[in-house]
């Protein structure tokens, strides 16, 4: 693989840099680079800026309102955006349900839902995991019983990210409880969060934030027209969606930005009379993360090349998910190590408050403990890394 950009790709990179310099709000970039939480209104603000530019969906084909960019252009845009301090676009609409609707939805569903994802009019969330069905998703119990032109949905979803802001949720539900295999008898529904019978209950995470929720369904009435694809074929669509999710979870651009932040912290921290970055043991750990990140970037480009050839992400998405999340955790661990006890005490005004204050030490230490605690989940969601290793062993190694 030739890792050098062509002249056209370099010109595209310059165009992206110019756009970011002109259009990325400084206050938003400052928050991202400081490691502070991004607020709901900021996600919407950035998505609308991208929409006005015609860049709302870098991975979508043009016929659905996307950019039609090549995989290399997508990679350039994501990396430059991350390095400039742009927030990651919300994946639930753009990278999860959007591709499912494009691939398996009918024309009416595509016209109805896809444009509202692009301009941030709709905020989507995911209804997959349940208290007894996480990585073992096929054991889900939320039921949808057919009654005329509607499904009546009852059950519970958990670890629902940012559902308190969402107005739509895509769900896996069991429509045939008598199916011979657990993967059978599951359907894919999209549900208006304003429908009577839906309640969202917060789960406060280790870092004290309200990021995830439980979502309860009590006799929720969902039109048949909100089913994507065929009844009882939802497992096929779920696997398609999870491939896209796992590819995006790798987070290479944001990890490269955080690597730069880690280096900056290590230059400011003085240990034994010299900057920490000059300590041989610390430098070796830093170098290992950088090497792993470079290898992951190359692997990601290969996976994107497959996707651009009209292939859904395959088992290589599991490789990206495992290594990408391990790198994210390693970065937060090394940042904690760099500032030592100053990382531990932090104050949060409330679970909904994104800004953190340091009870002691420099301001840049304030978000580090919260980021470390929050990153414990990344090896679990999207299918735990243990499950991903099983997929790799079976589908890549043939074991």
Protein backbone atom coordinates (compact mmCIF):
# COMPACT_ATOMS: atom_id res chain seq x y z
CA UNK A 1 0.00 0.00 0.00
CA UNK A 2 1.34 3.41 -1.00
CA UNK A 3 1.01 5.59 2.09
CA UNK A 4 1.88 8.80 0.24
CA UNK A 5 -0.99 11.08 -0.70
CA UNK A 6 -1.49 11.93 -4.38
CA UNK A 7 -1.46 15.59 -5.47
CA UNK A 8 -5.27 15.55 -5.58
CA UNK A 9 -5.43 14.15 -2.07
CA UNK A 10 -3.01 16.78 -0.80
CA UNK A 11 -5.18 19.45 -2.40
CA UNK A 12 -8.22 17.95 -0.69
CA UNK A 13 -6.39 17.97 2.66
CA UNK A 14 -5.62 21.66 2.17
CA UNK A 15 -9.29 22.32 1.42
CA UNK A 16 -10.32 20.54 4.62
CA UNK A 17 -7.77 22.47 6.67
CA UNK A 18 -8.99 25.77 5.23
CA UNK A 19 -12.61 24.89 6.02
CA UNK A 20 -11.76 23.92 9.60
CA UNK A 21 -9.74 27.08 10.13
CA UNK A 22 -12.65 29.20 8.90
CA UNK A 23 -15.72 27.37 10.22
CA UNK A 24 -14.81 25.38 13.34
CA UNK A 25 -15.96 27.49 16.33
CA UNK A 26 -13.00 28.33 18.56
CA UNK A 27 -14.91 27.68 21.77
CA UNK A 28 -15.81 24.20 20.56
CA UNK A 29 -12.25 23.40 19.49
CA UNK A 30 -10.96 24.58 22.86
CA UNK A 31 -13.31 22.24 24.73
CA UNK A 32 -12.33 19.24 22.62
CA UNK A 33 -8.60 19.85 22.91
CA UNK A 34 -8.91 20.29 26.68
CA UNK A 35 -10.69 16.96 27.02
CA UNK A 36 -13.94 18.49 28.26
CA UNK A 37 -17.32 16.90 27.56
CA UNK A 38 -19.16 18.09 24.47
CA UNK A 39 -22.69 19.34 25.10
CA UNK A 40 -25.74 18.33 23.08
CA UNK A 41 -26.13 21.77 21.54
CA UNK A 42 -22.49 21.67 20.41
CA UNK A 43 -22.98 18.37 18.58
CA UNK A 44 -25.97 19.83 16.77
CA UNK A 45 -24.15 23.09 16.02
CA UNK A 46 -21.20 21.31 14.42
CA UNK A 47 -23.40 18.94 12.40
CA UNK A 48 -25.37 21.89 10.98
CA UNK A 49 -22.10 23.62 9.99
CA UNK A 50 -21.05 20.45 8.16
CA UNK A 51 -24.48 20.25 6.52
CA UNK A 52 -24.22 23.80 5.20
CA UNK A 53 -20.84 22.89 3.71
CA UNK A 54 -22.26 19.74 2.08
CA UNK A 55 -20.02 17.57 4.26
CA UNK A 56 -22.61 16.24 6.71
CA UNK A 57 -22.09 12.58 5.80
CA UNK A 58 -18.52 11.83 4.69
CA UNK A 59 -19.18 8.08 4.37
CA UNK A 60 -22.52 8.24 2.53
CA UNK A 61 -22.97 8.04 -1.24
CA UNK A 62 -24.04 11.18 -3.06
CA UNK A 63 -27.48 9.83 -3.98
CA UNK A 64 -28.40 9.90 -0.30
CA UNK A 65 -26.96 13.33 0.36
CA UNK A 66 -23.44 12.24 1.27
CA UNK A 67 -20.14 13.49 -0.04
CA UNK A 68 -19.27 10.49 -2.17
CA UNK A 69 -15.68 10.79 -0.97
CA UNK A 70 -13.14 8.06 -1.46
CA UNK A 71 -11.94 6.12 1.55
CA UNK A 72 -8.72 8.13 1.57
CA UNK A 73 -10.66 11.40 1.54
CA UNK A 74 -12.81 10.16 4.44
CA UNK A 75 -9.66 9.27 6.35
CA UNK A 76 -8.12 12.68 5.65
CA UNK A 77 -11.26 14.49 6.76
CA UNK A 78 -11.61 12.53 9.99
CA UNK A 79 -7.95 12.93 10.89
CA UNK A 80 -7.79 16.64 10.11
CA UNK A 81 -11.06 17.27 11.96
CA UNK A 82 -9.82 15.46 15.05
CA UNK A 83 -6.47 17.22 15.04
CA UNK A 84 -8.19 20.60 14.66
CA UNK A 85 -10.36 19.91 17.69
CA UNK A 86 -13.67 19.20 15.98
CA UNK A 87 -16.00 16.90 17.90
CA UNK A 88 -16.68 13.49 16.47
CA UNK A 89 -19.98 13.45 14.63
CA UNK A 90 -22.60 11.41 16.46
CA UNK A 91 -22.40 7.86 15.11
CA UNK A 92 -25.93 6.65 15.86
CA UNK A 93 -27.54 8.28 12.82
CA UNK A 94 -24.62 8.70 10.44
CA UNK A 95 -22.73 5.44 10.95
CA UNK A 96 -25.31 3.07 12.40
CA UNK A 97 -28.97 3.41 11.49
CA UNK A 98 -28.28 5.51 8.36
CA UNK A 99 -26.36 2.76 6.53
CA UNK A 100 -29.01 0.20 7.59
CA UNK A 101 -31.79 2.35 6.15
CA UNK A 102 -29.80 2.90 2.96
CA UNK A 103 -29.14 -0.82 2.54
CA UNK A 104 -32.40 -2.39 3.76
CA UNK A 105 -35.02 0.36 4.09
CA UNK A 106 -37.61 1.12 1.43
CA UNK A 107 -37.70 4.35 -0.57
CA UNK A 108 -40.28 5.97 1.68
CA UNK A 109 -38.15 5.28 4.76
CA UNK A 110 -35.06 6.63 3.02
CA UNK A 111 -36.85 9.85 2.05
CA UNK A 112 -38.33 10.19 5.53
CA UNK A 113 -35.32 9.57 7.74
CA UNK A 114 -32.04 10.17 5.92
CA UNK A 115 -32.33 13.95 5.25
CA UNK A 116 -33.16 14.61 8.92
CA UNK A 117 -30.00 12.80 9.98
CA UNK A 118 -27.92 15.01 7.71
CA UNK A 119 -29.16 18.35 9.06
CA UNK A 120 -29.31 17.21 12.72
CA UNK A 121 -33.07 17.59 12.92
CA UNK A 122 -33.23 14.05 14.31
CA UNK A 123 -31.00 12.75 17.09
CA UNK A 124 -30.85 8.96 17.12
CA UNK A 125 -29.95 6.55 19.90
CA UNK A 126 -29.46 2.80 20.02
CA UNK A 127 -31.69 0.18 21.64
CA UNK A 128 -29.68 -3.04 21.53
CA UNK A 129 -28.32 -4.07 24.96
CA UNK A 130 -30.59 -5.33 27.72
CA UNK A 131 -29.86 -6.31 31.34
CA UNK A 132 -29.46 -9.94 30.26
CA UNK A 133 -28.34 -9.35 26.68
CA UNK A 134 -25.17 -7.38 26.09
CA UNK A 135 -22.43 -9.08 24.11
CA UNK A 136 -24.83 -12.05 23.97
CA UNK A 137 -27.26 -9.86 22.09
CA UNK A 138 -29.24 -12.74 20.57
CA UNK A 139 -30.73 -13.48 24.00
CA UNK A 140 -32.68 -10.18 24.00
CA UNK A 141 -36.20 -10.32 25.45
CA UNK A 142 -37.88 -7.05 24.44
CA UNK A 143 -40.98 -8.19 22.56
CA UNK A 144 -42.99 -6.69 19.74
CA UNK A 145 -46.37 -8.32 19.21
CA UNK A 146 -48.20 -7.72 15.95
CA UNK A 147 -51.65 -6.17 16.32
CA UNK A 148 -53.08 -5.15 12.97
CA UNK A 149 -50.96 -2.39 11.47
CA UNK A 150 -48.91 -1.92 14.64
CA UNK A 151 -46.43 -3.65 16.91
CA UNK A 152 -46.93 -3.40 20.65
CA UNK A 153 -43.48 -3.21 22.24
CA UNK A 154 -42.69 -4.15 25.84
CA UNK A 155 -39.30 -4.49 27.46
CA UNK A 156 -36.19 -2.70 28.60
CA UNK A 157 -32.98 -1.51 26.94
CA UNK A 158 -29.91 -0.46 28.89
CA UNK A 159 -26.56 1.30 28.38
CA UNK A 160 -28.36 3.59 25.96
CA UNK A 161 -25.96 6.42 25.11
CA UNK A 162 -27.31 10.00 25.09
CA UNK A 163 -30.90 8.82 24.79
CA UNK A 164 -31.95 11.75 26.99
CA UNK A 165 -31.36 14.00 23.97
CA UNK A 166 -32.72 11.67 21.26
CA UNK A 167 -36.04 11.88 19.46
CA UNK A 168 -35.65 8.52 17.64
CA UNK A 169 -34.35 5.13 18.72
CA UNK A 170 -33.54 2.06 16.62
CA UNK A 171 -34.25 -1.20 18.40
CA UNK A 172 -33.86 -4.92 18.07
CA UNK A 173 -37.04 -6.62 19.27
CA UNK A 174 -38.24 -10.20 19.38
CA UNK A 175 -41.16 -10.74 17.02
CA UNK A 176 -41.14 -14.56 17.03
CA UNK A 177 -40.51 -15.97 20.52
CA UNK A 178 -40.88 -19.52 19.18
CA UNK A 179 -38.02 -19.34 16.66
CA UNK A 180 -35.75 -22.38 16.69
CA UNK A 181 -32.57 -20.31 17.16
CA UNK A 182 -32.16 -17.16 19.29
CA UNK A 183 -30.79 -15.22 16.30
CA UNK A 184 -34.03 -15.87 14.46
CA UNK A 185 -37.29 -14.14 15.24
CA UNK A 186 -35.69 -10.69 15.78
CA UNK A 187 -36.84 -7.57 13.93
CA UNK A 188 -35.39 -4.08 13.51
CA UNK A 189 -37.74 -1.23 14.48
CA UNK A 190 -37.27 2.54 14.52
CA UNK A 191 -39.36 4.24 17.18
CA UNK A 192 -40.29 7.84 17.89
CA UNK A 193 -39.07 8.60 21.43
CA UNK A 194 -42.18 10.74 22.02
CA UNK A 195 -44.45 7.70 21.70
CA UNK A 196 -46.52 7.13 24.86
CA UNK A 197 -45.12 4.36 27.04
CA UNK A 198 -41.42 5.19 26.61
CA UNK A 199 -39.49 6.33 29.67
CA UNK A 200 -35.79 7.19 29.91
CA UNK A 201 -34.03 6.74 33.24
CA UNK A 202 -30.46 7.98 33.77
CA UNK A 203 -27.49 5.81 34.69
CA UNK A 204 -24.72 7.89 36.29
CA UNK A 205 -21.34 6.54 35.25
CA UNK A 206 -18.11 6.25 37.25
CA UNK A 207 -17.01 9.73 36.20
CA UNK A 208 -20.20 11.23 37.64
CA UNK A 209 -21.75 12.05 34.25
CA UNK A 210 -25.17 11.34 32.81
CA UNK A 211 -24.16 9.78 29.51
CA UNK A 212 -26.09 6.51 29.46
CA UNK A 213 -29.63 5.45 30.29
CA UNK A 214 -32.18 2.72 30.71
CA UNK A 215 -35.07 2.93 28.26
CA UNK A 216 -38.36 1.24 29.19
CA UNK A 217 -41.15 0.31 26.78
CA UNK A 218 -44.63 -0.25 28.20
CA UNK A 219 -47.23 -1.11 25.55
CA UNK A 220 -45.55 1.20 23.04
CA UNK A 221 -47.48 1.32 19.77
CA UNK A 222 -45.18 1.29 16.72
CA UNK A 223 -46.49 1.40 13.10
CA UNK A 224 -45.56 -1.53 10.86
CA UNK A 225 -44.06 1.04 8.51
CA UNK A 226 -41.34 1.66 11.10
CA UNK A 227 -39.91 -1.81 10.62
CA UNK A 228 -36.73 -1.78 8.54
CA UNK A 229 -36.51 -4.73 6.17
CA UNK A 230 -38.30 -8.02 6.67
CA UNK A 231 -39.89 -9.26 9.86
CA UNK A 232 -37.66 -11.68 11.80
CA UNK A 233 -34.58 -10.76 9.74
CA UNK A 234 -33.29 -8.13 12.17
CA UNK A 235 -30.23 -10.15 13.16
CA UNK A 236 -28.86 -9.75 9.62
CA UNK A 237 -29.31 -5.98 9.83
CA UNK A 238 -27.82 -5.90 13.33
CA UNK A 239 -24.62 -7.58 12.15
CA UNK A 240 -24.39 -5.12 9.27
CA UNK A 241 -24.79 -2.19 11.68
CA UNK A 242 -22.29 -3.54 14.22
CA UNK A 243 -19.63 -3.78 11.52
CA UNK A 244 -20.00 -0.05 10.85
CA UNK A 245 -20.07 0.72 14.59
CA UNK A 246 -16.93 -1.28 15.34
CA UNK A 247 -15.03 0.39 12.52
CA UNK A 248 -15.88 3.85 13.88
CA UNK A 249 -15.11 2.87 17.48
CA UNK A 250 -11.44 2.58 16.51
CA UNK A 251 -11.26 6.39 16.80
CA UNK A 252 -7.89 6.79 15.13
CA UNK A 253 -8.10 10.53 14.52
CA UNK A 254 -9.11 11.33 18.08
CA UNK A 255 -6.40 9.00 19.44
CA UNK A 256 -3.80 10.85 17.40
CA UNK A 257 -5.02 14.13 18.87
CA UNK A 258 -4.93 12.70 22.39
CA UNK A 259 -1.43 11.39 21.76
CA UNK A 260 -0.38 14.95 20.98
CA UNK A 261 -2.06 16.14 24.19
CA UNK A 262 -0.25 13.46 26.17
CA UNK A 263 3.09 14.61 24.74
CA UNK A 264 2.29 18.21 25.64
CA UNK A 265 1.46 17.20 29.23
CA UNK A 266 4.66 15.16 29.47
CA UNK A 267 6.70 18.21 28.40
CA UNK A 268 5.14 20.30 31.19
CA UNK A 269 5.45 17.73 33.96
CA UNK A 270 8.83 17.87 35.67
CA UNK A 271 10.09 14.65 37.27
CA UNK A 272 13.48 14.46 38.95
CA UNK A 273 14.47 17.82 37.54
CA UNK A 274 13.65 17.21 33.89
CA UNK A 275 10.56 16.96 31.66
CA UNK A 276 8.79 13.62 31.99
CA UNK A 277 8.96 13.07 28.23
CA UNK A 278 12.73 12.64 28.60
CA UNK A 279 12.36 9.79 31.08
CA UNK A 280 13.39 6.57 29.26
CA UNK A 281 10.68 4.37 30.75
CA UNK A 282 7.92 6.87 30.05
CA UNK A 283 9.27 7.53 26.54
CA UNK A 284 9.25 3.78 25.82
CA UNK A 285 5.58 3.47 26.83
CA UNK A 286 4.73 6.51 24.75
CA UNK A 287 6.58 5.12 21.73
CA UNK A 288 4.74 1.80 21.98
CA UNK A 289 1.36 3.54 21.86
CA UNK A 290 2.46 5.58 18.84
CA UNK A 291 3.69 2.46 17.02
CA UNK A 292 0.44 0.65 17.74
CA UNK A 293 -1.55 3.64 16.51
CA UNK A 294 0.39 3.79 13.24
CA UNK A 295 -0.25 0.07 12.65
CA UNK A 296 -3.93 0.51 13.42
CA UNK A 297 -4.19 3.39 10.96
CA UNK A 298 -2.84 1.22 8.14
CA UNK A 299 -5.24 -1.59 9.06
CA UNK A 300 -8.12 0.88 9.08
CA UNK A 301 -7.26 2.07 5.57
CA UNK A 302 -7.36 -1.52 4.37
CA UNK A 303 -10.77 -2.03 5.97
CA UNK A 304 -12.09 1.18 4.42
CA UNK A 305 -10.84 0.04 1.02
CA UNK A 306 -12.97 -3.09 1.36
CA UNK A 307 -15.96 -1.00 2.36
CA UNK A 308 -15.52 1.29 -0.65
CA UNK A 309 -15.70 -1.79 -2.91
CA UNK A 310 -19.33 -2.19 -1.78
CA UNK A 311 -18.50 -4.67 0.94
CA UNK A 312 -19.93 -4.25 4.41
CA UNK A 313 -17.23 -4.20 7.08
CA UNK A 314 -16.24 -7.79 7.80
CA UNK A 315 -14.39 -9.46 10.66
CA UNK A 316 -11.53 -6.99 10.25
CA UNK A 317 -13.83 -4.51 12.01
CA UNK A 318 -13.32 -6.62 15.13
CA UNK A 319 -9.55 -6.10 14.85
CA UNK A 320 -10.07 -2.35 14.64
CA UNK A 321 -12.43 -2.37 17.59
CA UNK A 322 -10.10 -4.37 19.85
CA UNK A 323 -6.90 -2.48 19.10
CA UNK A 324 -8.51 0.94 18.82
CA UNK A 325 -10.14 0.71 22.23
CA UNK A 326 -7.01 -0.69 23.85
CA UNK A 327 -5.07 2.31 22.54
CA UNK A 328 -7.71 4.70 23.88
CA UNK A 329 -7.43 3.15 27.31
CA UNK A 330 -3.63 3.16 27.18
CA UNK A 331 -3.64 6.89 26.42
CA UNK A 332 -5.88 7.72 29.39
CA UNK A 333 -3.76 5.52 31.67
CA UNK A 334 -0.52 7.18 30.63
CA UNK A 335 -2.04 10.65 31.07
CA UNK A 336 -3.01 9.70 34.62
CA UNK A 337 0.51 8.45 35.23
CA UNK A 338 1.99 11.67 33.82
CA UNK A 339 0.28 14.00 36.30
CA UNK A 340 0.22 11.57 39.23
CA UNK A 341 -2.00 12.49 42.22
CA UNK A 342 -3.13 15.74 40.55
CA UNK A 343 -5.35 13.66 38.25
CA UNK A 344 -7.40 12.17 41.05
CA UNK A 345 -9.39 15.00 42.65
CA UNK A 346 -11.95 16.59 40.34
CA UNK A 347 -15.27 18.29 40.86
CA UNK A 348 -18.36 18.16 38.67
CA UNK A 349 -21.15 20.63 39.30
CA UNK A 350 -23.78 18.03 38.35
CA UNK A 351 -24.25 14.89 36.29
CA UNK A 352 -25.35 17.09 33.39
CA UNK A 353 -22.41 19.50 33.76
CA UNK A 354 -19.64 18.95 31.24
CA UNK A 355 -16.98 21.18 32.77
CA UNK A 356 -14.67 19.78 35.42
CA UNK A 357 -12.71 21.68 38.01
CA UNK A 358 -9.47 20.51 39.55
CA UNK A 359 -9.46 20.45 43.33
CA UNK A 360 -5.65 20.61 43.18
CA UNK A 361 -2.97 20.92 40.55
CA UNK A 362 -2.96 22.38 37.03
CA UNK A 363 -6.14 22.90 35.02
CA UNK A 364 -5.09 20.41 32.36
CA UNK A 365 -5.18 17.64 35.00
CA UNK A 366 -8.87 18.23 35.81
CA UNK A 367 -10.46 16.07 33.03
CA UNK A 368 -7.95 13.21 33.18
CA UNK A 369 -9.45 11.06 35.94
CA UNK A 370 -12.94 11.39 34.46
CA UNK A 371 -11.61 10.44 31.01
CA UNK A 372 -9.79 7.45 32.48
CA UNK A 373 -12.93 6.22 34.25
CA UNK A 374 -15.12 6.80 31.20
CA UNK A 375 -12.71 4.89 28.95
CA UNK A 376 -13.19 1.68 30.95
CA UNK A 377 -16.35 1.07 28.90
CA UNK A 378 -14.82 1.27 25.43
CA UNK A 379 -13.61 -2.33 25.45
CA UNK A 380 -17.16 -3.44 26.32
CA UNK A 381 -19.62 -1.54 24.13
CA UNK A 382 -20.11 -2.46 20.49
CA UNK A 383 -19.52 -6.07 21.53
CA UNK A 384 -16.93 -6.76 24.23
CA UNK A 385 -13.34 -7.29 23.14
CA UNK A 386 -13.54 -10.89 24.35
CA UNK A 387 -16.36 -11.49 21.88
CA UNK A 388 -14.37 -9.72 19.14
CA UNK A 389 -11.42 -12.06 19.74
CA UNK A 390 -13.75 -15.02 19.27
CA UNK A 391 -14.91 -13.53 15.95
CA UNK A 392 -11.30 -13.00 14.86
CA UNK A 393 -10.38 -16.57 15.83
CA UNK A 394 -13.31 -18.09 13.95
CA UNK A 395 -13.65 -15.90 10.88
CA UNK A 396 -10.07 -14.76 10.23
CA UNK A 397 -7.85 -17.45 11.75
CA UNK A 398 -10.27 -20.31 11.07
CA UNK A 399 -9.88 -21.81 14.54
